N, C-alpha and C. Protein backbone atom coordinates (compact mmCIF):
# COMPACT_ATOMS: atom_id res chain seq x y z
N MET A 1 11.60 -6.24 -12.99
CA MET A 1 10.74 -5.45 -12.09
C MET A 1 11.34 -5.45 -10.68
N ASN A 2 11.44 -4.30 -10.07
CA ASN A 2 11.93 -4.16 -8.71
C ASN A 2 10.80 -3.71 -7.81
N SER A 3 10.81 -4.19 -6.57
CA SER A 3 9.89 -3.64 -5.58
C SER A 3 10.74 -3.19 -4.41
N ALA A 4 10.51 -1.99 -3.93
CA ALA A 4 11.40 -1.40 -2.93
C ALA A 4 10.76 -1.35 -1.57
N LEU A 5 11.58 -1.62 -0.57
CA LEU A 5 11.18 -1.47 0.82
C LEU A 5 11.76 -0.13 1.24
N ASN A 6 10.98 0.92 1.02
CA ASN A 6 11.51 2.28 1.03
C ASN A 6 12.20 2.67 2.33
N ASP A 7 11.56 2.40 3.48
CA ASP A 7 12.13 2.89 4.73
C ASP A 7 13.38 2.13 5.13
N GLN A 8 13.65 1.00 4.54
CA GLN A 8 14.85 0.24 4.86
C GLN A 8 15.81 0.17 3.67
N SER A 9 15.52 0.87 2.58
CA SER A 9 16.37 0.93 1.39
C SER A 9 16.72 -0.45 0.86
N ILE A 10 15.71 -1.28 0.70
CA ILE A 10 15.90 -2.63 0.18
C ILE A 10 15.17 -2.79 -1.14
N GLU A 11 15.82 -3.42 -2.09
CA GLU A 11 15.20 -3.71 -3.38
C GLU A 11 15.31 -5.20 -3.66
N ILE A 12 14.38 -5.69 -4.48
CA ILE A 12 14.40 -7.09 -4.90
C ILE A 12 14.52 -7.13 -6.42
N GLU A 13 15.50 -7.87 -6.89
CA GLU A 13 15.68 -8.07 -8.33
C GLU A 13 15.45 -9.54 -8.66
N LYS A 14 14.72 -9.77 -9.74
CA LYS A 14 14.46 -11.15 -10.16
C LYS A 14 15.68 -11.72 -10.87
N GLN A 15 16.12 -12.88 -10.41
CA GLN A 15 17.23 -13.60 -11.01
C GLN A 15 16.74 -14.99 -11.42
N GLY A 16 17.52 -15.68 -12.23
CA GLY A 16 17.11 -17.02 -12.60
C GLY A 16 18.11 -17.71 -13.50
N PHE A 17 17.90 -19.00 -13.68
CA PHE A 17 18.74 -19.77 -14.59
C PHE A 17 17.99 -21.01 -15.06
N ASN A 18 18.43 -21.53 -16.19
CA ASN A 18 17.91 -22.78 -16.75
C ASN A 18 19.10 -23.70 -17.01
N LYS A 19 18.94 -24.95 -16.64
CA LYS A 19 20.04 -25.90 -16.83
C LYS A 19 19.48 -27.24 -17.26
N LEU A 20 20.07 -27.80 -18.32
CA LEU A 20 19.68 -29.12 -18.81
C LEU A 20 20.82 -30.09 -18.57
N ASN A 21 20.53 -31.17 -17.85
CA ASN A 21 21.52 -32.21 -17.61
C ASN A 21 21.18 -33.40 -18.50
N SER A 22 21.96 -33.58 -19.57
CA SER A 22 21.64 -34.61 -20.56
C SER A 22 21.94 -36.02 -20.05
N SER A 23 22.91 -36.16 -19.16
CA SER A 23 23.27 -37.50 -18.68
C SER A 23 22.24 -38.06 -17.70
N LEU A 24 21.68 -37.19 -16.85
CA LEU A 24 20.67 -37.63 -15.89
C LEU A 24 19.25 -37.31 -16.35
N HIS A 25 19.12 -36.69 -17.51
CA HIS A 25 17.81 -36.42 -18.12
C HIS A 25 16.90 -35.57 -17.23
N TYR A 26 17.41 -34.41 -16.84
CA TYR A 26 16.54 -33.50 -16.09
C TYR A 26 16.82 -32.05 -16.49
N GLU A 27 15.84 -31.21 -16.18
CA GLU A 27 15.95 -29.79 -16.48
C GLU A 27 15.60 -28.98 -15.24
N LEU A 28 16.38 -27.95 -14.98
CA LEU A 28 16.11 -27.01 -13.88
C LEU A 28 15.69 -25.68 -14.47
N ASN A 29 14.56 -25.17 -14.01
CA ASN A 29 14.09 -23.83 -14.39
C ASN A 29 13.84 -23.06 -13.10
N VAL A 30 14.76 -22.20 -12.76
CA VAL A 30 14.76 -21.58 -11.43
C VAL A 30 14.69 -20.06 -11.52
N SER A 31 13.74 -19.48 -10.81
CA SER A 31 13.67 -18.03 -10.62
C SER A 31 13.76 -17.75 -9.13
N TYR A 32 14.50 -16.73 -8.75
CA TYR A 32 14.65 -16.43 -7.33
C TYR A 32 14.88 -14.93 -7.13
N PRO A 33 14.57 -14.42 -5.94
CA PRO A 33 14.78 -13.00 -5.66
C PRO A 33 16.18 -12.73 -5.14
N LYS A 34 16.79 -11.69 -5.65
CA LYS A 34 18.07 -11.23 -5.11
C LYS A 34 17.84 -9.90 -4.42
N VAL A 35 18.21 -9.85 -3.16
CA VAL A 35 17.96 -8.66 -2.34
C VAL A 35 19.17 -7.72 -2.39
N LYS A 36 18.89 -6.44 -2.53
CA LYS A 36 19.94 -5.42 -2.47
C LYS A 36 19.59 -4.42 -1.37
N CYS A 37 20.55 -4.21 -0.47
CA CYS A 37 20.34 -3.30 0.66
C CYS A 37 21.35 -2.17 0.58
N SER A 38 20.88 -0.97 0.37
CA SER A 38 21.76 0.18 0.23
C SER A 38 22.52 0.45 1.53
N GLY A 39 23.85 0.27 1.50
CA GLY A 39 24.68 0.56 2.66
C GLY A 39 24.58 -0.45 3.78
N LYS A 40 23.93 -1.59 3.54
CA LYS A 40 23.77 -2.60 4.60
C LYS A 40 24.18 -3.96 4.04
N ILE A 41 25.47 -4.12 3.85
CA ILE A 41 26.00 -5.33 3.22
C ILE A 41 25.72 -6.56 4.07
N ASP A 42 25.82 -6.43 5.40
CA ASP A 42 25.59 -7.59 6.27
C ASP A 42 24.16 -8.09 6.17
N LEU A 43 23.21 -7.16 6.14
CA LEU A 43 21.80 -7.52 6.00
C LEU A 43 21.53 -8.15 4.64
N GLU A 44 22.09 -7.54 3.61
CA GLU A 44 21.94 -8.07 2.25
C GLU A 44 22.47 -9.50 2.17
N HIS A 45 23.65 -9.72 2.75
CA HIS A 45 24.26 -11.05 2.72
C HIS A 45 23.41 -12.06 3.47
N LYS A 46 22.88 -11.67 4.63
CA LYS A 46 22.08 -12.58 5.46
C LYS A 46 20.83 -13.04 4.72
N ILE A 47 20.08 -12.11 4.15
CA ILE A 47 18.83 -12.46 3.47
C ILE A 47 19.11 -13.28 2.22
N ASN A 48 20.11 -12.87 1.44
CA ASN A 48 20.43 -13.62 0.23
C ASN A 48 20.93 -15.03 0.54
N LEU A 49 21.65 -15.17 1.65
CA LEU A 49 22.11 -16.50 2.05
C LEU A 49 20.93 -17.39 2.44
N ASP A 50 19.97 -16.81 3.16
CA ASP A 50 18.76 -17.57 3.50
C ASP A 50 18.04 -18.05 2.25
N ILE A 51 17.92 -17.16 1.27
CA ILE A 51 17.23 -17.50 0.02
C ILE A 51 18.01 -18.57 -0.75
N GLN A 52 19.34 -18.43 -0.78
CA GLN A 52 20.16 -19.43 -1.46
C GLN A 52 20.00 -20.80 -0.81
N ASN A 53 19.88 -20.84 0.50
CA ASN A 53 19.69 -22.11 1.20
C ASN A 53 18.39 -22.79 0.79
N ILE A 54 17.34 -21.99 0.60
CA ILE A 54 16.06 -22.53 0.12
C ILE A 54 16.24 -23.14 -1.26
N LEU A 55 16.95 -22.44 -2.14
CA LEU A 55 17.20 -22.95 -3.49
C LEU A 55 18.02 -24.23 -3.46
N PHE A 56 19.09 -24.22 -2.68
CA PHE A 56 19.98 -25.39 -2.63
C PHE A 56 19.24 -26.62 -2.12
N MET A 57 18.41 -26.44 -1.09
CA MET A 57 17.67 -27.57 -0.55
C MET A 57 16.71 -28.14 -1.59
N ALA A 58 16.01 -27.28 -2.31
CA ALA A 58 15.07 -27.73 -3.34
C ALA A 58 15.79 -28.47 -4.46
N ILE A 59 16.90 -27.90 -4.92
CA ILE A 59 17.65 -28.52 -6.02
C ILE A 59 18.31 -29.81 -5.58
N ASN A 60 18.91 -29.83 -4.40
CA ASN A 60 19.58 -31.03 -3.91
C ASN A 60 18.60 -32.17 -3.67
N ASP A 61 17.41 -31.86 -3.14
CA ASP A 61 16.39 -32.90 -2.95
C ASP A 61 15.99 -33.50 -4.29
N PHE A 62 15.81 -32.64 -5.28
CA PHE A 62 15.43 -33.09 -6.62
C PHE A 62 16.52 -33.97 -7.23
N ARG A 63 17.75 -33.50 -7.19
CA ARG A 63 18.86 -34.26 -7.77
C ARG A 63 19.06 -35.60 -7.06
N SER A 64 18.87 -35.59 -5.75
CA SER A 64 19.04 -36.82 -4.97
C SER A 64 18.05 -37.89 -5.41
N LYS A 65 16.80 -37.49 -5.62
CA LYS A 65 15.79 -38.45 -6.06
C LYS A 65 16.07 -38.92 -7.48
N ILE A 66 16.47 -38.00 -8.35
CA ILE A 66 16.82 -38.38 -9.72
C ILE A 66 17.93 -39.44 -9.71
N SER A 67 18.97 -39.21 -8.91
CA SER A 67 20.10 -40.13 -8.85
C SER A 67 19.69 -41.50 -8.31
N SER A 68 18.85 -41.51 -7.27
CA SER A 68 18.43 -42.78 -6.68
C SER A 68 17.54 -43.57 -7.63
N VAL A 69 16.66 -42.86 -8.34
CA VAL A 69 15.78 -43.54 -9.31
C VAL A 69 16.60 -44.10 -10.47
N LYS A 70 17.57 -43.32 -10.94
CA LYS A 70 18.42 -43.78 -12.05
C LYS A 70 19.23 -45.00 -11.63
N ALA A 71 19.72 -45.00 -10.39
CA ALA A 71 20.49 -46.14 -9.89
C ALA A 71 19.63 -47.39 -9.79
N GLU A 72 18.36 -47.20 -9.45
CA GLU A 72 17.45 -48.34 -9.29
C GLU A 72 16.90 -48.84 -10.62
N LYS A 73 16.51 -47.92 -11.50
CA LYS A 73 15.81 -48.30 -12.73
C LYS A 73 16.69 -48.24 -13.98
N GLY A 74 17.85 -47.63 -13.85
CA GLY A 74 18.75 -47.55 -14.99
C GLY A 74 18.60 -46.29 -15.80
N ALA A 75 17.37 -45.90 -16.07
CA ALA A 75 17.12 -44.68 -16.86
C ALA A 75 15.68 -44.25 -16.69
N ILE A 76 15.45 -42.94 -16.76
CA ILE A 76 14.09 -42.40 -16.76
C ILE A 76 14.02 -41.32 -17.83
N GLY A 77 12.80 -40.95 -18.20
CA GLY A 77 12.61 -39.90 -19.19
C GLY A 77 12.96 -38.54 -18.61
N LEU A 78 12.84 -37.51 -19.44
CA LEU A 78 13.19 -36.16 -19.02
C LEU A 78 12.30 -35.69 -17.87
N SER A 79 12.91 -35.32 -16.78
CA SER A 79 12.21 -34.82 -15.59
C SER A 79 12.57 -33.36 -15.40
N TYR A 80 11.85 -32.69 -14.51
CA TYR A 80 12.15 -31.27 -14.33
C TYR A 80 11.84 -30.78 -12.92
N LEU A 81 12.49 -29.70 -12.59
CA LEU A 81 12.19 -28.92 -11.38
C LEU A 81 11.96 -27.48 -11.81
N ASN A 82 10.79 -26.96 -11.53
CA ASN A 82 10.50 -25.53 -11.72
C ASN A 82 10.41 -24.89 -10.35
N LEU A 83 11.15 -23.83 -10.14
CA LEU A 83 11.11 -23.11 -8.87
C LEU A 83 10.87 -21.64 -9.14
N ASP A 84 9.81 -21.10 -8.55
CA ASP A 84 9.46 -19.70 -8.77
C ASP A 84 9.09 -19.07 -7.43
N TYR A 85 8.92 -17.76 -7.42
CA TYR A 85 8.62 -17.07 -6.17
C TYR A 85 7.61 -15.96 -6.39
N ASN A 86 7.05 -15.49 -5.28
CA ASN A 86 6.12 -14.37 -5.31
C ASN A 86 6.34 -13.53 -4.06
N VAL A 87 6.48 -12.23 -4.23
CA VAL A 87 6.65 -11.33 -3.09
C VAL A 87 5.27 -10.92 -2.58
N PHE A 88 4.95 -11.34 -1.36
CA PHE A 88 3.67 -10.99 -0.76
C PHE A 88 3.72 -9.62 -0.08
N LEU A 89 4.85 -9.31 0.54
CA LEU A 89 4.98 -8.02 1.22
C LEU A 89 6.42 -7.57 1.19
N ASN A 90 6.61 -6.31 0.92
CA ASN A 90 7.94 -5.69 0.90
C ASN A 90 7.76 -4.25 1.35
N ASP A 91 7.41 -4.08 2.64
CA ASP A 91 7.01 -2.76 3.12
C ASP A 91 7.13 -2.71 4.64
N ASN A 92 7.37 -1.51 5.16
CA ASN A 92 7.39 -1.28 6.61
C ASN A 92 8.30 -2.24 7.37
N GLY A 93 9.43 -2.57 6.76
CA GLY A 93 10.41 -3.42 7.45
C GLY A 93 10.08 -4.89 7.48
N ILE A 94 9.07 -5.31 6.72
CA ILE A 94 8.69 -6.72 6.66
C ILE A 94 8.85 -7.23 5.23
N LEU A 95 9.56 -8.33 5.09
CA LEU A 95 9.76 -8.97 3.80
C LEU A 95 9.13 -10.36 3.85
N SER A 96 8.20 -10.64 2.94
CA SER A 96 7.50 -11.93 2.94
C SER A 96 7.44 -12.47 1.52
N ILE A 97 8.02 -13.65 1.33
CA ILE A 97 8.15 -14.24 0.00
C ILE A 97 7.71 -15.70 0.04
N SER A 98 6.95 -16.11 -0.97
CA SER A 98 6.59 -17.52 -1.11
C SER A 98 7.39 -18.13 -2.25
N PHE A 99 7.68 -19.42 -2.11
CA PHE A 99 8.37 -20.18 -3.14
C PHE A 99 7.51 -21.37 -3.54
N LYS A 100 7.41 -21.60 -4.83
CA LYS A 100 6.63 -22.72 -5.36
C LYS A 100 7.57 -23.68 -6.07
N LYS A 101 7.62 -24.90 -5.56
CA LYS A 101 8.49 -25.94 -6.13
C LYS A 101 7.63 -26.95 -6.88
N ASP A 102 7.81 -27.00 -8.18
CA ASP A 102 7.02 -27.85 -9.07
C ASP A 102 7.96 -28.91 -9.65
N THR A 103 7.75 -30.18 -9.29
CA THR A 103 8.65 -31.24 -9.75
C THR A 103 7.89 -32.32 -10.52
N TYR A 104 8.60 -32.91 -11.47
CA TYR A 104 8.04 -34.02 -12.23
C TYR A 104 9.15 -35.03 -12.51
N TYR A 105 8.92 -36.27 -12.09
CA TYR A 105 9.85 -37.36 -12.36
C TYR A 105 9.20 -38.25 -13.41
N ASN A 106 9.69 -38.17 -14.61
CA ASN A 106 9.06 -38.81 -15.77
C ASN A 106 8.91 -40.32 -15.57
N GLY A 107 7.66 -40.78 -15.63
CA GLY A 107 7.39 -42.20 -15.52
C GLY A 107 7.39 -42.73 -14.11
N ILE A 108 7.65 -41.86 -13.14
CA ILE A 108 7.73 -42.30 -11.74
C ILE A 108 6.59 -41.71 -10.91
N ASP A 109 6.48 -40.40 -10.92
CA ASP A 109 5.47 -39.70 -10.12
C ASP A 109 4.69 -38.72 -10.98
N ASP A 110 3.50 -38.36 -10.50
CA ASP A 110 2.77 -37.25 -11.11
C ASP A 110 3.46 -35.94 -10.75
N ILE A 111 3.01 -34.86 -11.35
CA ILE A 111 3.54 -33.54 -11.01
C ILE A 111 3.26 -33.25 -9.53
N SER A 112 4.28 -32.80 -8.83
CA SER A 112 4.15 -32.50 -7.40
C SER A 112 4.44 -31.02 -7.18
N ILE A 113 3.58 -30.37 -6.40
CA ILE A 113 3.77 -28.95 -6.09
C ILE A 113 3.90 -28.78 -4.58
N LYS A 114 4.98 -28.16 -4.17
CA LYS A 114 5.21 -27.84 -2.76
C LYS A 114 5.44 -26.35 -2.63
N LYS A 115 4.98 -25.79 -1.52
CA LYS A 115 5.12 -24.35 -1.31
C LYS A 115 5.85 -24.08 0.00
N LEU A 116 6.76 -23.12 -0.06
CA LEU A 116 7.55 -22.71 1.10
C LEU A 116 7.40 -21.21 1.29
N ALA A 117 7.71 -20.75 2.48
CA ALA A 117 7.58 -19.32 2.76
C ALA A 117 8.81 -18.81 3.49
N TYR A 118 9.13 -17.55 3.25
CA TYR A 118 10.24 -16.87 3.93
C TYR A 118 9.74 -15.52 4.40
N ASN A 119 9.80 -15.30 5.72
CA ASN A 119 9.34 -14.05 6.32
C ASN A 119 10.48 -13.45 7.15
N TYR A 120 10.77 -12.18 6.92
CA TYR A 120 11.92 -11.57 7.58
C TYR A 120 11.58 -10.20 8.13
N ASP A 121 12.02 -9.98 9.37
CA ASP A 121 11.87 -8.70 10.05
C ASP A 121 13.17 -7.92 9.83
N VAL A 122 13.13 -6.98 8.91
CA VAL A 122 14.34 -6.25 8.52
C VAL A 122 14.88 -5.41 9.67
N LYS A 123 14.00 -4.77 10.40
CA LYS A 123 14.41 -3.89 11.49
C LYS A 123 15.20 -4.64 12.55
N ASN A 124 14.70 -5.82 12.94
CA ASN A 124 15.34 -6.60 14.00
C ASN A 124 16.26 -7.70 13.48
N LYS A 125 16.40 -7.77 12.16
CA LYS A 125 17.31 -8.71 11.52
C LYS A 125 17.08 -10.15 11.97
N ARG A 126 15.85 -10.63 11.77
CA ARG A 126 15.53 -12.00 12.18
C ARG A 126 14.38 -12.54 11.33
N LYS A 127 14.36 -13.87 11.21
CA LYS A 127 13.23 -14.52 10.55
C LYS A 127 12.00 -14.40 11.44
N ILE A 128 10.84 -14.27 10.81
CA ILE A 128 9.59 -14.19 11.56
C ILE A 128 8.96 -15.58 11.61
N LEU A 129 8.76 -16.08 12.82
CA LEU A 129 8.07 -17.34 13.03
C LEU A 129 6.61 -17.07 13.36
N LEU A 130 5.77 -18.08 13.20
CA LEU A 130 4.35 -17.89 13.45
C LEU A 130 4.10 -17.46 14.89
N ASN A 131 4.83 -18.05 15.83
CA ASN A 131 4.57 -17.70 17.24
C ASN A 131 5.05 -16.30 17.61
N ASP A 132 5.78 -15.65 16.72
CA ASP A 132 6.13 -14.24 16.95
C ASP A 132 4.92 -13.34 16.81
N LEU A 133 3.92 -13.79 16.05
CA LEU A 133 2.76 -12.97 15.73
C LEU A 133 1.61 -13.13 16.72
N PHE A 134 1.71 -14.15 17.61
CA PHE A 134 0.57 -14.46 18.47
C PHE A 134 0.96 -14.55 19.94
N LEU A 135 -0.04 -14.39 20.79
CA LEU A 135 0.15 -14.54 22.23
C LEU A 135 0.56 -15.97 22.54
N THR A 136 1.56 -16.12 23.40
CA THR A 136 2.07 -17.46 23.68
C THR A 136 1.41 -18.11 24.89
N ASP A 137 0.61 -17.35 25.64
CA ASP A 137 -0.03 -17.92 26.83
C ASP A 137 -1.41 -18.48 26.53
N ILE A 138 -1.76 -18.58 25.25
CA ILE A 138 -3.03 -19.18 24.85
C ILE A 138 -2.77 -20.18 23.73
N ASP A 139 -3.74 -21.03 23.47
CA ASP A 139 -3.59 -22.00 22.39
C ASP A 139 -4.02 -21.34 21.08
N TYR A 140 -3.16 -20.46 20.59
CA TYR A 140 -3.50 -19.69 19.39
C TYR A 140 -3.62 -20.57 18.15
N LYS A 141 -2.89 -21.69 18.13
CA LYS A 141 -2.91 -22.55 16.93
C LYS A 141 -4.29 -23.14 16.68
N ASP A 142 -4.96 -23.58 17.75
CA ASP A 142 -6.32 -24.12 17.59
C ASP A 142 -7.27 -23.06 17.06
N GLN A 143 -7.18 -21.85 17.62
CA GLN A 143 -8.06 -20.77 17.18
C GLN A 143 -7.76 -20.37 15.73
N LEU A 144 -6.49 -20.35 15.39
CA LEU A 144 -6.09 -20.00 14.03
C LEU A 144 -6.54 -21.07 13.03
N PHE A 145 -6.39 -22.33 13.43
CA PHE A 145 -6.82 -23.43 12.57
C PHE A 145 -8.33 -23.37 12.32
N HIS A 146 -9.08 -23.02 13.35
CA HIS A 146 -10.54 -22.87 13.21
C HIS A 146 -10.87 -21.74 12.24
N LEU A 147 -10.13 -20.64 12.31
CA LEU A 147 -10.36 -19.52 11.39
C LEU A 147 -10.08 -19.93 9.94
N ILE A 148 -9.02 -20.72 9.75
CA ILE A 148 -8.69 -21.18 8.40
C ILE A 148 -9.80 -22.06 7.84
N LYS A 149 -10.30 -22.99 8.66
CA LYS A 149 -11.38 -23.87 8.20
C LYS A 149 -12.64 -23.07 7.90
N THR A 150 -12.88 -22.02 8.68
CA THR A 150 -14.05 -21.16 8.43
C THR A 150 -13.91 -20.45 7.09
N GLU A 151 -12.71 -19.96 6.80
CA GLU A 151 -12.47 -19.27 5.54
C GLU A 151 -12.64 -20.22 4.34
N LEU A 152 -12.24 -21.47 4.53
CA LEU A 152 -12.32 -22.44 3.43
C LEU A 152 -13.74 -22.94 3.19
N HIS A 153 -14.59 -22.87 4.22
CA HIS A 153 -15.95 -23.42 4.15
C HIS A 153 -15.85 -24.91 3.81
N HIS A 154 -16.39 -25.32 2.67
CA HIS A 154 -16.34 -26.72 2.25
C HIS A 154 -15.43 -26.91 1.04
N SER A 155 -14.49 -25.98 0.85
CA SER A 155 -13.62 -26.05 -0.33
C SER A 155 -12.61 -27.19 -0.24
N GLY A 156 -12.27 -27.60 0.96
CA GLY A 156 -11.29 -28.66 1.14
C GLY A 156 -11.04 -28.93 2.61
N LYS A 157 -10.42 -30.05 2.87
CA LYS A 157 -10.09 -30.44 4.24
C LYS A 157 -8.61 -30.20 4.48
N VAL A 158 -8.30 -29.37 5.46
CA VAL A 158 -6.90 -29.01 5.71
C VAL A 158 -6.35 -29.76 6.92
N LYS A 159 -5.03 -29.98 6.87
CA LYS A 159 -4.32 -30.56 7.99
C LYS A 159 -3.72 -29.44 8.83
N LYS A 160 -3.39 -29.75 10.08
CA LYS A 160 -2.87 -28.70 10.96
C LYS A 160 -1.51 -28.17 10.52
N ASP A 161 -0.78 -28.96 9.72
CA ASP A 161 0.51 -28.44 9.27
C ASP A 161 0.36 -27.33 8.23
N VAL A 162 -0.91 -26.97 7.91
CA VAL A 162 -1.14 -25.80 7.06
C VAL A 162 -0.55 -24.55 7.72
N LEU A 163 -0.41 -24.58 9.04
CA LEU A 163 0.14 -23.43 9.77
C LEU A 163 1.63 -23.25 9.52
N ASN A 164 2.29 -24.26 8.95
CA ASN A 164 3.74 -24.21 8.79
C ASN A 164 4.20 -23.31 7.64
N SER A 165 3.33 -23.05 6.67
CA SER A 165 3.73 -22.24 5.51
C SER A 165 2.80 -21.04 5.38
N PHE A 166 3.32 -19.88 5.73
CA PHE A 166 2.49 -18.68 5.71
C PHE A 166 3.28 -17.49 5.19
N CYS A 167 2.56 -16.55 4.61
CA CYS A 167 3.15 -15.28 4.20
C CYS A 167 2.35 -14.14 4.81
N ILE A 168 3.02 -13.04 5.03
CA ILE A 168 2.41 -11.88 5.66
C ILE A 168 2.00 -10.88 4.59
N GLN A 169 0.79 -10.36 4.73
CA GLN A 169 0.31 -9.31 3.85
C GLN A 169 -0.20 -8.14 4.69
N LYS A 170 -0.47 -7.02 4.05
CA LYS A 170 -0.97 -5.86 4.78
C LYS A 170 -2.32 -6.14 5.42
N ASN A 171 -3.13 -6.97 4.77
CA ASN A 171 -4.48 -7.20 5.29
C ASN A 171 -4.64 -8.50 6.05
N GLY A 172 -3.56 -9.28 6.21
CA GLY A 172 -3.68 -10.51 6.98
C GLY A 172 -2.55 -11.49 6.73
N ILE A 173 -2.77 -12.72 7.16
CA ILE A 173 -1.81 -13.81 6.95
C ILE A 173 -2.36 -14.73 5.87
N THR A 174 -1.54 -15.01 4.88
CA THR A 174 -1.92 -15.93 3.82
C THR A 174 -1.22 -17.26 4.05
N PHE A 175 -2.02 -18.32 4.15
CA PHE A 175 -1.47 -19.66 4.32
C PHE A 175 -1.41 -20.35 2.96
N LEU A 176 -0.26 -20.95 2.68
CA LEU A 176 0.00 -21.54 1.37
C LEU A 176 -0.48 -22.99 1.36
N LEU A 177 -1.31 -23.33 0.40
CA LEU A 177 -1.89 -24.66 0.32
C LEU A 177 -1.31 -25.45 -0.85
N ASP A 178 -1.10 -26.74 -0.63
CA ASP A 178 -0.79 -27.68 -1.69
C ASP A 178 -1.46 -29.00 -1.32
N LYS A 179 -1.23 -30.04 -2.11
CA LYS A 179 -1.93 -31.31 -1.89
C LYS A 179 -1.57 -31.96 -0.56
N SER A 180 -0.41 -31.64 -0.02
CA SER A 180 -0.02 -32.21 1.26
C SER A 180 -0.72 -31.55 2.43
N LYS A 181 -1.29 -30.36 2.21
CA LYS A 181 -1.93 -29.61 3.29
C LYS A 181 -3.44 -29.51 3.15
N CYS A 182 -3.95 -29.65 1.93
CA CYS A 182 -5.39 -29.51 1.69
C CYS A 182 -5.87 -30.61 0.76
N LYS A 183 -6.87 -31.35 1.19
CA LYS A 183 -7.44 -32.43 0.41
C LYS A 183 -8.81 -32.02 -0.11
N GLY A 184 -9.04 -32.27 -1.39
CA GLY A 184 -10.34 -31.94 -1.98
C GLY A 184 -10.17 -31.34 -3.36
N LYS A 185 -11.15 -31.55 -4.23
CA LYS A 185 -11.06 -31.07 -5.60
C LYS A 185 -11.14 -29.56 -5.71
N SER A 186 -11.70 -28.91 -4.68
CA SER A 186 -11.91 -27.45 -4.75
C SER A 186 -10.93 -26.67 -3.88
N CYS A 187 -9.84 -27.31 -3.46
CA CYS A 187 -8.86 -26.61 -2.62
C CYS A 187 -8.26 -25.41 -3.37
N PRO A 188 -8.26 -24.24 -2.76
CA PRO A 188 -7.62 -23.08 -3.39
C PRO A 188 -6.11 -23.14 -3.21
N ASP A 189 -5.39 -22.25 -3.85
CA ASP A 189 -3.93 -22.20 -3.72
C ASP A 189 -3.51 -21.58 -2.39
N ILE A 190 -4.33 -20.67 -1.88
CA ILE A 190 -4.03 -19.96 -0.64
C ILE A 190 -5.33 -19.74 0.14
N VAL A 191 -5.17 -19.44 1.42
CA VAL A 191 -6.31 -19.00 2.21
C VAL A 191 -5.84 -17.82 3.07
N LEU A 192 -6.60 -16.73 3.03
CA LEU A 192 -6.24 -15.50 3.74
C LEU A 192 -7.10 -15.35 4.99
N VAL A 193 -6.44 -15.12 6.13
CA VAL A 193 -7.13 -14.77 7.36
C VAL A 193 -6.77 -13.32 7.68
N GLN A 194 -7.76 -12.46 7.74
CA GLN A 194 -7.50 -11.03 7.92
C GLN A 194 -7.10 -10.71 9.36
N TRP A 195 -6.30 -9.65 9.50
CA TRP A 195 -5.77 -9.28 10.82
C TRP A 195 -6.88 -9.02 11.83
N ASP A 196 -7.95 -8.36 11.42
CA ASP A 196 -8.98 -8.00 12.39
C ASP A 196 -9.71 -9.23 12.94
N LYS A 197 -9.66 -10.35 12.23
CA LYS A 197 -10.27 -11.58 12.74
C LYS A 197 -9.38 -12.28 13.75
N MET A 198 -8.13 -11.84 13.84
CA MET A 198 -7.16 -12.44 14.76
C MET A 198 -6.76 -11.49 15.88
N LYS A 199 -7.38 -10.33 15.95
CA LYS A 199 -6.91 -9.26 16.83
C LYS A 199 -6.84 -9.67 18.30
N ASP A 200 -7.70 -10.60 18.74
CA ASP A 200 -7.72 -11.00 20.15
C ASP A 200 -6.60 -11.96 20.52
N ILE A 201 -5.92 -12.51 19.53
CA ILE A 201 -4.86 -13.48 19.83
C ILE A 201 -3.49 -13.01 19.33
N LEU A 202 -3.41 -11.80 18.81
CA LEU A 202 -2.14 -11.28 18.30
C LEU A 202 -1.23 -10.82 19.42
N SER A 203 0.07 -11.05 19.26
CA SER A 203 1.07 -10.52 20.17
C SER A 203 1.25 -9.03 19.90
N GLU A 204 2.11 -8.41 20.68
CA GLU A 204 2.40 -6.99 20.44
C GLU A 204 2.99 -6.79 19.05
N PHE A 205 3.88 -7.69 18.66
CA PHE A 205 4.48 -7.62 17.32
C PHE A 205 3.43 -7.85 16.24
N GLY A 206 2.57 -8.83 16.44
CA GLY A 206 1.49 -9.09 15.49
C GLY A 206 0.51 -7.94 15.42
N GLY A 207 0.30 -7.28 16.56
CA GLY A 207 -0.61 -6.14 16.60
C GLY A 207 -0.12 -4.97 15.77
N GLU A 208 1.20 -4.87 15.61
CA GLU A 208 1.76 -3.81 14.77
C GLU A 208 1.34 -4.00 13.31
N MET A 209 1.17 -5.25 12.90
CA MET A 209 0.70 -5.53 11.54
C MET A 209 -0.72 -5.02 11.35
N LEU A 210 -1.52 -5.20 12.37
CA LEU A 210 -2.92 -4.74 12.33
C LEU A 210 -2.98 -3.23 12.17
N LYS A 211 -2.08 -2.51 12.85
CA LYS A 211 -2.06 -1.05 12.79
C LYS A 211 -1.63 -0.55 11.41
N ASN A 212 -0.77 -1.34 10.76
CA ASN A 212 -0.27 -0.92 9.45
C ASN A 212 -1.31 -1.11 8.36
């Protein structure tokens, strides 16, 4: 399945691989997006390199722990890393992708789920940071954190680092939740704060999202 960013001639193709390491007793199941940019090789290379770096970091962290545990304990059962992605937005020059890293170290830890986000401004060829979307002369983080807690109601207790992992959608900002960011049995996977609820604290760039 491809999703196209029409005005910037960008497409996303799903790629992936599976690898079993019999000596270290682990399995990698990886899916990732490959970006294709018609006539824009430099842009294509930049985004794909960013995505590859996310993959390499996830895989290297996993392998490093496997190696250290094996060195300490001698052997462990079959462990795995599952890495998958979801495209939240691929339109109007904005690319927003979430990554879900699911790891299990057999006999050592329970299943662990971590979520990462990648947001890119195709027109200006740069990663989008949270402070790009908000006014910098106010304490937007406190106001944003309050909005997140309001959206969650009593579903769970969030930490302020919930602001670190976000994806952009047409109707708002989606913050990615996992056990490290939200505590409670009823924590959802994501929490969405709509653009119109943030309109008073959005920067000029963030305001363009509201118009779209």
